[in-house]
Amino acid sequence: MTPSSFLGKSINTHLLKIEFQDEGGVLNAVAWHVKDLKNFVTALNLQREKIDQRKNN
């Protein structure tokens, strides 16, 4: 997810937003400004695919 604002704050660029569930089951989220977001997300997804492939073998 790449919103342009988070918690009411905006820096006029897309952010990397990660949504997660903690040990107690509570949903939460964090967001970061990443300089080269498109390439970062592409690399992240490639790593996720590699992990999924290992799990399925």
N, C-alpha and C. Protein backbone atom coordinates (compact mmCIF):
# COMPACT_ATOMS: atom_id res chain seq x y z
N MET A 1 0.86 -1.16 0.00
CA MET A 1 0.00 0.00 0.00
C MET A 1 0.91 1.23 0.00
N THR A 2 0.60 2.19 -0.83
CA THR A 2 1.44 3.39 -0.92
C THR A 2 0.58 4.66 -0.86
N PRO A 3 0.10 5.00 0.34
CA PRO A 3 -0.69 6.23 0.48
C PRO A 3 0.20 7.46 0.41
N SER A 4 -0.41 8.62 0.23
CA SER A 4 0.37 9.86 0.23
C SER A 4 0.25 10.60 1.56
N SER A 5 -0.54 10.03 2.49
CA SER A 5 -0.60 10.60 3.84
C SER A 5 -0.81 9.47 4.84
N PHE A 6 -0.46 9.75 6.11
CA PHE A 6 -0.60 8.75 7.16
C PHE A 6 -0.81 9.49 8.47
N LEU A 7 -1.82 9.07 9.21
CA LEU A 7 -2.17 9.69 10.49
C LEU A 7 -2.34 11.20 10.36
N GLY A 8 -2.92 11.61 9.24
CA GLY A 8 -3.20 13.02 9.03
C GLY A 8 -2.02 13.86 8.57
N LYS A 9 -0.87 13.22 8.37
CA LYS A 9 0.33 13.94 7.93
C LYS A 9 0.61 13.60 6.48
N SER A 10 1.14 14.58 5.74
CA SER A 10 1.47 14.36 4.34
C SER A 10 2.78 15.05 4.01
N ILE A 11 3.58 14.39 3.17
CA ILE A 11 4.80 15.02 2.67
C ILE A 11 4.76 15.12 1.15
N ASN A 12 3.54 15.03 0.61
CA ASN A 12 3.30 15.17 -0.83
C ASN A 12 4.08 14.18 -1.68
N THR A 13 4.24 12.99 -1.17
CA THR A 13 4.83 11.88 -1.93
C THR A 13 4.26 10.60 -1.36
N HIS A 14 4.36 9.52 -2.10
CA HIS A 14 3.83 8.25 -1.62
C HIS A 14 4.70 7.69 -0.52
N LEU A 15 4.07 6.97 0.41
CA LEU A 15 4.73 6.35 1.54
C LEU A 15 4.59 4.84 1.45
N LEU A 16 5.52 4.14 2.07
CA LEU A 16 5.39 2.69 2.21
C LEU A 16 4.63 2.45 3.49
N LYS A 17 3.44 1.86 3.38
CA LYS A 17 2.61 1.59 4.55
C LYS A 17 2.55 0.09 4.77
N ILE A 18 2.85 -0.32 5.99
CA ILE A 18 2.80 -1.73 6.37
C ILE A 18 1.72 -1.89 7.43
N GLU A 19 0.75 -2.74 7.15
CA GLU A 19 -0.28 -3.06 8.12
C GLU A 19 0.05 -4.42 8.71
N PHE A 20 -0.12 -4.55 10.02
CA PHE A 20 0.23 -5.80 10.69
C PHE A 20 -0.69 -6.04 11.88
N GLN A 21 -0.63 -7.27 12.37
CA GLN A 21 -1.40 -7.67 13.53
C GLN A 21 -0.41 -8.09 14.61
N ASP A 22 -0.52 -7.50 15.81
CA ASP A 22 0.43 -7.84 16.86
C ASP A 22 0.05 -9.16 17.54
N GLU A 23 0.85 -9.55 18.53
CA GLU A 23 0.63 -10.84 19.20
C GLU A 23 -0.73 -10.94 19.86
N GLY A 24 -1.28 -9.81 20.25
CA GLY A 24 -2.59 -9.79 20.89
C GLY A 24 -3.74 -9.72 19.90
N GLY A 25 -3.43 -9.71 18.61
CA GLY A 25 -4.47 -9.67 17.58
C GLY A 25 -4.92 -8.27 17.20
N VAL A 26 -4.27 -7.25 17.76
CA VAL A 26 -4.63 -5.87 17.46
C VAL A 26 -4.01 -5.45 16.12
N LEU A 27 -4.84 -4.88 15.24
CA LEU A 27 -4.35 -4.39 13.96
C LEU A 27 -3.67 -3.04 14.15
N ASN A 28 -2.56 -2.85 13.44
CA ASN A 28 -1.80 -1.61 13.55
C ASN A 28 -1.17 -1.33 12.20
N ALA A 29 -0.54 -0.18 12.07
CA ALA A 29 0.13 0.18 10.81
C ALA A 29 1.26 1.16 11.09
N VAL A 30 2.25 1.12 10.21
CA VAL A 30 3.35 2.09 10.23
C VAL A 30 3.57 2.53 8.79
N ALA A 31 4.19 3.70 8.61
CA ALA A 31 4.46 4.18 7.26
C ALA A 31 5.81 4.89 7.24
N TRP A 32 6.53 4.72 6.11
CA TRP A 32 7.83 5.35 5.94
C TRP A 32 7.91 6.03 4.59
N HIS A 33 8.72 7.07 4.53
CA HIS A 33 9.09 7.64 3.24
C HIS A 33 10.28 6.84 2.74
N VAL A 34 10.19 6.29 1.55
CA VAL A 34 11.27 5.52 0.93
C VAL A 34 11.65 6.25 -0.35
N LYS A 35 12.93 6.56 -0.49
CA LYS A 35 13.39 7.39 -1.60
C LYS A 35 12.98 6.83 -2.96
N ASP A 36 13.21 5.55 -3.19
CA ASP A 36 12.87 4.91 -4.47
C ASP A 36 11.81 3.85 -4.20
N LEU A 37 10.61 4.31 -3.91
CA LEU A 37 9.54 3.43 -3.45
C LEU A 37 9.20 2.34 -4.45
N LYS A 38 9.10 2.68 -5.72
CA LYS A 38 8.72 1.68 -6.73
C LYS A 38 9.70 0.52 -6.75
N ASN A 39 10.99 0.81 -6.80
CA ASN A 39 11.99 -0.26 -6.82
C ASN A 39 12.04 -1.01 -5.50
N PHE A 40 11.82 -0.32 -4.38
CA PHE A 40 11.81 -0.97 -3.08
C PHE A 40 10.67 -1.98 -3.01
N VAL A 41 9.48 -1.57 -3.43
CA VAL A 41 8.32 -2.46 -3.40
C VAL A 41 8.54 -3.65 -4.34
N THR A 42 9.11 -3.41 -5.51
CA THR A 42 9.42 -4.50 -6.43
C THR A 42 10.37 -5.50 -5.79
N ALA A 43 11.45 -5.01 -5.18
CA ALA A 43 12.42 -5.90 -4.53
C ALA A 43 11.78 -6.64 -3.36
N LEU A 44 10.95 -5.97 -2.59
CA LEU A 44 10.26 -6.60 -1.47
C LEU A 44 9.36 -7.73 -1.95
N ASN A 45 8.61 -7.49 -3.02
CA ASN A 45 7.72 -8.53 -3.55
C ASN A 45 8.49 -9.71 -4.11
N LEU A 46 9.64 -9.46 -4.74
CA LEU A 46 10.47 -10.56 -5.23
C LEU A 46 10.96 -11.43 -4.07
N GLN A 47 11.35 -10.80 -2.98
CA GLN A 47 11.80 -11.57 -1.81
C GLN A 47 10.65 -12.37 -1.21
N ARG A 48 9.46 -11.80 -1.18
CA ARG A 48 8.30 -12.52 -0.67
C ARG A 48 7.99 -13.73 -1.53
N GLU A 49 8.12 -13.59 -2.85
CA GLU A 49 7.89 -14.71 -3.76
C GLU A 49 8.91 -15.82 -3.51
N LYS A 50 10.16 -15.47 -3.29
CA LYS A 50 11.20 -16.48 -3.01
C LYS A 50 10.88 -17.24 -1.73
N ILE A 51 10.46 -16.51 -0.71
CA ILE A 51 10.10 -17.15 0.56
C ILE A 51 8.91 -18.08 0.36
N ASP A 52 7.89 -17.64 -0.37
CA ASP A 52 6.72 -18.48 -0.64
C ASP A 52 7.10 -19.74 -1.41
N GLN A 53 8.01 -19.62 -2.37
CA GLN A 53 8.45 -20.78 -3.14
C GLN A 53 9.15 -21.78 -2.24
N ARG A 54 9.99 -21.32 -1.32
CA ARG A 54 10.68 -22.21 -0.38
C ARG A 54 9.68 -22.92 0.51
N LYS A 55 8.66 -22.22 0.96
CA LYS A 55 7.64 -22.82 1.83
C LYS A 55 6.87 -23.92 1.10
N ASN A 56 6.67 -23.75 -0.20
CA ASN A 56 5.87 -24.71 -0.97
C ASN A 56 6.67 -25.91 -1.46
N ASN A 57 7.98 -25.89 -1.28
CA ASN A 57 8.82 -27.03 -1.73
C ASN A 57 9.11 -27.96 -0.61
